[in-house]
Amino acid sequence: MVSAVFFHGLESSLPSSKVVTMQEVGWEVNCRQMDYKQVNEYQIAEEFVLDKKPKVLVGSSLGGAICKF
């Protein structure tokens, strides 16, 4: 099974149809509501990833940028 962390885009929120699609194909997906206006959101996202230890990072729009960095 693929384990993933998903980060939504700036104007998006959870639940996400992208998460549902990944779950439908058997992925274990962890996600959290992002508040991109919060100053330390990148640090919080990094801690979330380190805690979940996914095999894959998935992001949409700004969430994809968070995954890259």
Protein backbone atom coordinates (compact mmCIF):
# COMPACT_ATOMS: atom_id res chain seq x y z
CA MET A 1 0.00 0.00 0.00
CA VAL A 2 1.18 3.50 -0.81
CA SER A 3 1.20 5.93 2.09
CA ALA A 4 0.92 9.59 1.17
CA VAL A 5 0.58 13.04 2.65
CA PHE A 6 -1.57 15.46 0.66
CA PHE A 7 -1.46 19.26 0.84
CA HIS A 8 -4.31 21.20 -0.81
CA GLY A 9 -3.93 24.47 -2.67
CA LEU A 10 -4.28 28.04 -1.41
CA GLU A 11 -7.98 28.48 -2.21
CA SER A 12 -8.91 24.83 -1.56
CA SER A 13 -9.89 22.98 1.57
CA LEU A 14 -10.66 19.53 2.85
CA PRO A 15 -12.33 17.21 2.09
CA SER A 16 -10.78 16.97 -1.36
CA SER A 17 -11.86 14.90 -4.34
CA LYS A 18 -8.16 14.26 -4.97
CA VAL A 19 -7.83 12.58 -1.57
CA VAL A 20 -10.95 10.50 -2.24
CA THR A 21 -9.53 9.36 -5.59
CA MET A 22 -6.23 8.29 -4.03
CA GLN A 23 -8.10 6.40 -1.30
CA GLU A 24 -10.31 4.67 -3.89
CA VAL A 25 -7.23 3.16 -5.53
CA GLY A 26 -5.97 1.89 -2.20
CA TRP A 27 -3.65 4.62 -0.99
CA GLU A 28 -3.45 5.53 2.68
CA VAL A 29 -3.69 9.33 2.61
CA ASN A 30 -2.99 11.67 5.52
CA CYS A 31 -3.91 15.31 5.17
CA ARG A 32 -4.57 18.36 7.26
CA GLN A 33 -6.34 21.65 6.72
CA MET A 34 -3.69 24.18 5.71
CA ASP A 35 -3.74 27.83 6.78
CA TYR A 36 -1.33 29.40 4.33
CA LYS A 37 -1.74 32.82 5.97
CA GLN A 38 -0.12 31.49 9.14
CA VAL A 39 3.54 32.49 9.31
CA ASN A 40 4.89 29.09 10.40
CA GLU A 41 2.65 26.90 8.20
CA TYR A 42 5.65 25.49 6.34
CA GLN A 43 7.21 24.36 9.63
CA ILE A 44 3.91 22.80 10.74
CA ALA A 45 3.65 20.98 7.39
CA GLU A 46 7.20 19.69 7.73
CA GLU A 47 6.49 18.36 11.23
CA PHE A 48 3.32 16.69 9.92
CA VAL A 49 5.33 14.91 7.21
CA LEU A 50 8.02 13.81 9.65
CA ASP A 51 5.34 12.43 11.97
CA LYS A 52 3.44 10.51 9.25
CA LYS A 53 6.53 9.23 7.39
CA PRO A 54 4.81 8.84 3.99
CA LYS A 55 6.33 7.20 0.93
CA VAL A 56 4.85 9.92 -1.30
CA LEU A 57 4.11 13.63 -0.96
CA VAL A 58 1.22 14.94 -3.08
CA GLY A 59 0.16 18.53 -3.44
CA SER A 60 -2.15 20.63 -5.53
CA SER A 61 -1.09 24.13 -6.58
CA LEU A 62 0.52 25.82 -3.54
CA GLY A 63 0.36 22.45 -1.77
CA GLY A 64 2.65 21.11 -4.49
CA ALA A 65 5.13 23.88 -3.76
CA ILE A 66 5.04 22.94 -0.08
CA CYS A 67 5.88 19.36 -1.08
CA LYS A 68 8.83 20.47 -3.18
CA PHE A 69 10.47 22.51 -0.46
